[in-house]
Amino acid sequence: MTSTTKFELPLVQASQAQKHVTVNEAVQRLEAVSQLRIEATSVQTPPVAPSEGEVYAVGPSATGLWTGADGLLAVFLNGGWEFITPRTGWTAWEAESGQRMVFDGVDWIANAMAVSPSGAATAFELFEIDHSVSAGGSSETIAFIPANTVVFAVTGRVLASIGGAGTFSLGVAPSALDRYGSGLGVAQGSWLRGVTGQPVTYYSDTALTLTASGGNFTGGVVRLVVHGARFALPRGD
């Protein structure tokens, strides 16, 4: 046996010379996969100037130095690429998206709380924007709630004081303008926590609307975070 079964760490062999080389490589590989942090998933082309210790989840039809390594973890160690086979149930933090990933044996699935053998998943996700409040009686965000998301709550923080209004409401146009709160503070540092008594499903990409009370908006910035759930389809294979 030349390596461990789980992390594929090289083992020192009997009468082996320069044992420290094998031990050091094992420690480096263990450091790479423990508290796993992946730079990005489904990457096909090796980065031009990787840093020591970086890890990538290799995608299909990989090229260059990753040819033939589809589905493996590519770890940059000692100036070259080492490859490790991920195991079903491994979790990682993906730096590119800022999301927790779970490996189901085939794919890396974002923010999954439960995964079926065919890749169907229930994922709890957060969608965050910093919205610059436009002048007028209302201000609409971009449509940052993705289609087919079940929303449980919206939280927020005023980053720059919202001018012109005494308070504001937050909701969805045209008929639910205070769904996530009314009488909300406009001073810098003010916060909101709009929890719905019954979760709401949005079937198309949806924006939030801020509605001014006691005047018209003249500016400001508010950070808004949607707390929701999404449902990944099973694979057809």
Protein backbone atom coordinates (compact mmCIF):
# COMPACT_ATOMS: atom_id res chain seq x y z
CA MET A 1 0.00 0.00 0.00
CA THR A 2 1.59 3.25 -1.14
CA SER A 3 -1.06 5.77 -0.13
CA THR A 4 -4.01 6.20 2.23
CA THR A 5 -7.48 5.41 0.91
CA LYS A 6 -9.33 8.59 1.91
CA PHE A 7 -7.00 11.49 1.20
CA GLU A 8 -4.48 9.61 -1.00
CA LEU A 9 -1.61 10.66 1.25
CA PRO A 10 1.71 9.03 0.30
CA LEU A 11 3.02 6.52 2.82
CA VAL A 12 6.64 5.98 3.81
CA GLN A 13 7.83 2.63 2.48
CA ALA A 14 10.21 0.19 4.13
CA SER A 15 13.87 1.09 3.62
CA GLN A 16 12.86 4.23 1.74
CA ALA A 17 15.49 6.92 1.32
CA GLN A 18 14.67 10.60 1.94
CA LYS A 19 11.62 9.79 4.02
CA HIS A 20 11.14 13.47 4.79
CA VAL A 21 10.12 14.10 1.16
CA THR A 22 7.18 11.68 1.43
CA VAL A 23 6.19 12.96 4.86
CA ASN A 24 6.27 16.59 3.73
CA GLU A 25 4.15 15.81 0.66
CA ALA A 26 1.60 14.01 2.81
CA VAL A 27 1.39 16.97 5.19
CA GLN A 28 0.91 19.39 2.28
CA ARG A 29 -1.85 17.29 0.73
CA LEU A 30 -3.55 16.91 4.09
CA GLU A 31 -3.44 20.67 4.61
CA ALA A 32 -5.02 21.18 1.17
CA VAL A 33 -8.04 18.92 1.75
CA SER A 34 -8.66 19.52 5.46
CA GLN A 35 -11.14 22.41 5.92
CA LEU A 36 -11.30 22.27 2.13
CA ARG A 37 -11.25 25.60 0.29
CA ILE A 38 -11.71 25.43 -3.47
CA GLU A 39 -10.85 28.43 -5.59
CA ALA A 40 -13.50 27.48 -8.17
CA THR A 41 -15.45 24.45 -9.40
CA SER A 42 -15.97 23.10 -12.94
CA VAL A 43 -12.71 24.68 -14.13
CA GLN A 44 -11.39 23.26 -17.41
CA THR A 45 -8.15 25.17 -17.93
CA PRO A 46 -5.34 25.40 -15.34
CA PRO A 47 -4.69 28.97 -14.11
CA VAL A 48 -1.64 30.67 -15.54
CA ALA A 49 -0.06 31.67 -12.22
CA PRO A 50 -1.50 29.58 -9.37
CA SER A 51 -0.37 30.06 -5.79
CA GLU A 52 1.08 27.28 -3.71
CA GLY A 53 -1.66 25.25 -2.05
CA GLU A 54 -4.53 26.41 -4.28
CA VAL A 55 -7.22 23.82 -5.01
CA TYR A 56 -9.54 23.64 -8.03
CA ALA A 57 -12.36 21.24 -8.83
CA VAL A 58 -11.59 20.12 -12.38
CA GLY A 59 -14.52 20.24 -14.77
CA PRO A 60 -15.32 18.12 -17.83
CA SER A 61 -13.06 18.13 -20.92
CA ALA A 62 -10.14 19.60 -19.00
CA THR A 63 -7.17 20.80 -21.02
CA GLY A 64 -3.44 21.35 -20.70
CA LEU A 65 -1.83 19.96 -17.56
CA TRP A 66 -5.28 18.88 -16.35
CA THR A 67 -6.05 16.64 -19.34
CA GLY A 68 -7.53 13.39 -18.06
CA ALA A 69 -8.20 14.81 -14.57
CA ASP A 70 -11.93 15.48 -15.07
CA GLY A 71 -13.80 15.40 -11.76
CA LEU A 72 -10.65 15.43 -9.62
CA LEU A 73 -9.31 18.05 -7.25
CA ALA A 74 -6.20 19.74 -8.65
CA VAL A 75 -3.83 20.90 -5.90
CA PHE A 76 -0.84 23.10 -6.75
CA LEU A 77 2.07 21.79 -4.66
CA ASN A 78 5.81 22.28 -5.02
CA GLY A 79 5.40 24.07 -8.33
CA GLY A 80 3.24 21.38 -9.96
CA TRP A 81 -0.21 19.83 -9.94
CA GLU A 82 -1.24 16.95 -7.69
CA PHE A 83 -4.64 15.29 -8.11
CA ILE A 84 -6.97 13.96 -5.43
CA THR A 85 -10.25 12.09 -5.90
CA PRO A 86 -13.08 13.78 -3.94
CA ARG A 87 -15.37 11.48 -1.97
CA THR A 88 -19.15 11.59 -1.78
CA GLY A 89 -20.20 13.82 1.10
CA TRP A 90 -17.12 16.06 1.11
CA THR A 91 -17.85 19.71 1.75
CA ALA A 92 -15.85 22.74 0.70
CA TRP A 93 -15.93 26.52 0.59
CA GLU A 94 -15.78 27.91 -2.94
CA ALA A 95 -13.89 31.19 -2.93
CA GLU A 96 -15.17 32.33 -6.34
CA SER A 97 -18.84 32.30 -5.36
CA GLY A 98 -18.55 32.52 -1.56
CA GLN A 99 -20.72 29.42 -1.23
CA ARG A 100 -20.59 26.15 0.68
CA MET A 101 -20.36 23.21 -1.71
CA VAL A 102 -21.26 19.54 -1.22
CA PHE A 103 -19.94 16.76 -3.46
CA ASP A 104 -22.63 14.18 -4.28
CA GLY A 105 -20.28 11.76 -6.03
CA VAL A 106 -20.69 13.45 -9.43
CA ASP A 107 -21.15 17.21 -9.00
CA TRP A 108 -20.37 19.96 -6.51
CA ILE A 109 -23.73 21.37 -5.38
CA ALA A 110 -23.98 24.83 -3.83
CA ASN A 111 -25.50 25.37 -0.38
CA ALA A 112 -27.14 21.93 -0.28
CA MET A 113 -28.70 20.83 2.98
CA ALA A 114 -29.92 17.50 1.58
CA VAL A 115 -28.88 15.71 -1.63
CA SER A 116 -30.44 12.68 -3.34
CA PRO A 117 -28.41 9.96 -5.11
CA SER A 118 -29.32 11.55 -8.46
CA GLY A 119 -28.23 15.06 -7.51
CA ALA A 120 -31.59 16.58 -6.53
CA ALA A 121 -30.97 18.99 -3.68
CA THR A 122 -32.61 21.35 -1.25
CA ALA A 123 -30.45 24.44 -0.90
CA PHE A 124 -30.83 27.33 1.52
CA GLU A 125 -29.28 30.40 -0.06
CA LEU A 126 -28.68 34.10 0.54
CA PHE A 127 -28.90 36.74 -2.18
CA GLU A 128 -27.28 40.06 -1.28
CA ILE A 129 -27.07 43.47 -2.95
CA ASP A 130 -26.11 47.00 -1.97
CA HIS A 131 -28.90 49.15 -3.39
CA SER A 132 -28.40 52.83 -4.16
CA VAL A 133 -31.74 54.50 -3.42
CA SER A 134 -32.99 56.57 -6.36
CA ALA A 135 -34.77 59.89 -5.99
CA GLY A 136 -38.56 59.84 -5.85
CA GLY A 137 -41.42 58.28 -3.98
CA SER A 138 -40.15 54.73 -4.53
CA SER A 139 -36.96 52.97 -5.50
CA GLU A 140 -36.81 49.54 -7.08
CA THR A 141 -33.83 47.18 -6.86
CA ILE A 142 -32.62 44.98 -9.67
CA ALA A 143 -34.49 41.66 -9.94
CA PHE A 144 -32.07 39.81 -7.68
CA ILE A 145 -34.49 37.23 -6.23
CA PRO A 146 -34.02 34.29 -8.65
CA ALA A 147 -37.01 32.56 -10.20
CA ASN A 148 -38.48 29.63 -8.28
CA THR A 149 -37.09 30.76 -4.92
CA VAL A 150 -39.07 30.30 -1.73
CA VAL A 151 -38.36 33.37 0.42
CA PHE A 152 -38.59 33.22 4.19
CA ALA A 153 -37.26 36.65 5.10
CA VAL A 154 -35.41 39.75 3.99
CA THR A 155 -32.87 41.45 6.24
CA GLY A 156 -31.04 44.69 5.68
CA ARG A 157 -28.82 47.48 6.95
CA VAL A 158 -28.72 51.15 5.94
CA LEU A 159 -25.14 51.80 4.82
CA ALA A 160 -25.59 55.49 3.98
CA SER A 161 -28.45 57.53 5.40
CA ILE A 162 -31.54 57.56 3.21
CA GLY A 163 -32.46 61.19 2.63
CA GLY A 164 -35.83 62.83 2.09
CA ALA A 165 -38.09 60.28 3.79
CA GLY A 166 -39.08 59.92 7.41
CA THR A 167 -39.34 56.12 7.13
CA PHE A 168 -39.80 53.59 4.35
CA SER A 169 -41.54 50.33 3.57
CA LEU A 170 -40.02 47.31 1.84
CA GLY A 171 -41.89 44.84 -0.29
CA VAL A 172 -42.80 43.77 -3.78
CA ALA A 173 -44.74 45.85 -6.31
CA PRO A 174 -47.52 46.34 -7.04
CA SER A 175 -49.64 44.92 -4.23
CA ALA A 176 -47.26 43.86 -1.44
CA LEU A 177 -45.23 47.02 -0.84
CA ASP A 178 -44.86 46.41 2.91
CA ARG A 179 -44.40 42.62 2.85
CA TYR A 180 -40.99 42.89 4.52
CA GLY A 181 -41.63 45.82 6.80
CA SER A 182 -42.99 49.35 7.22
CA GLY A 183 -41.90 52.32 9.32
CA LEU A 184 -38.29 51.31 8.68
CA GLY A 185 -35.49 53.61 9.82
CA VAL A 186 -33.51 55.73 7.38
CA ALA A 187 -30.47 56.66 9.49
CA GLN A 188 -27.11 55.06 8.80
CA GLY A 189 -26.87 51.81 10.76
CA SER A 190 -30.64 51.26 10.90
CA TRP A 191 -31.60 47.64 10.28
CA LEU A 192 -34.58 45.59 9.19
CA ARG A 193 -35.66 41.98 9.63
CA GLY A 194 -38.74 41.24 7.54
CA VAL A 195 -39.93 37.72 8.31
CA THR A 196 -42.97 36.45 6.46
CA GLY A 197 -45.54 34.49 8.47
CA GLN A 198 -45.88 32.22 5.44
CA PRO A 199 -43.01 31.72 2.98
CA VAL A 200 -43.60 33.24 -0.46
CA THR A 201 -42.55 31.65 -3.74
CA TYR A 202 -41.42 33.88 -6.62
CA TYR A 203 -41.80 32.19 -9.99
CA SER A 204 -39.83 34.77 -11.98
CA ASP A 205 -36.80 36.95 -11.20
CA THR A 206 -38.15 39.56 -8.80
CA ALA A 207 -37.12 42.99 -7.52
CA LEU A 208 -37.79 44.56 -4.14
CA THR A 209 -39.36 48.00 -3.85
CA LEU A 210 -38.63 50.66 -1.24
CA THR A 211 -41.51 53.10 -0.72
CA ALA A 212 -40.91 56.45 1.00
CA SER A 213 -43.11 57.73 3.83
CA GLY A 214 -43.13 61.37 4.96
CA GLY A 215 -41.39 62.68 1.86
CA ASN A 216 -39.54 61.56 -1.25
CA PHE A 217 -36.20 59.78 -1.37
CA THR A 218 -33.18 61.89 -2.25
CA GLY A 219 -30.53 59.18 -1.99
CA GLY A 220 -28.86 56.69 0.32
CA VAL A 221 -27.59 53.10 0.25
CA VAL A 222 -29.13 50.03 1.84
CA ARG A 223 -27.76 46.48 1.94
CA LEU A 224 -30.51 43.89 1.40
CA VAL A 225 -30.25 40.14 1.89
CA VAL A 226 -32.92 37.66 0.79
CA HIS A 227 -33.08 34.43 2.80
CA GLY A 228 -34.55 31.67 0.67
CA ALA A 229 -34.61 28.07 -0.49
CA ARG A 230 -34.13 26.62 -3.96
CA PHE A 231 -34.57 23.11 -5.31
CA ALA A 232 -32.12 21.47 -7.74
CA LEU A 233 -33.42 18.92 -10.24
CA PRO A 234 -32.22 15.31 -10.32
CA ARG A 235 -29.86 14.22 -13.10
CA GLY A 236 -31.28 12.18 -15.94
CA ASP A 237 -28.51 9.57 -16.01
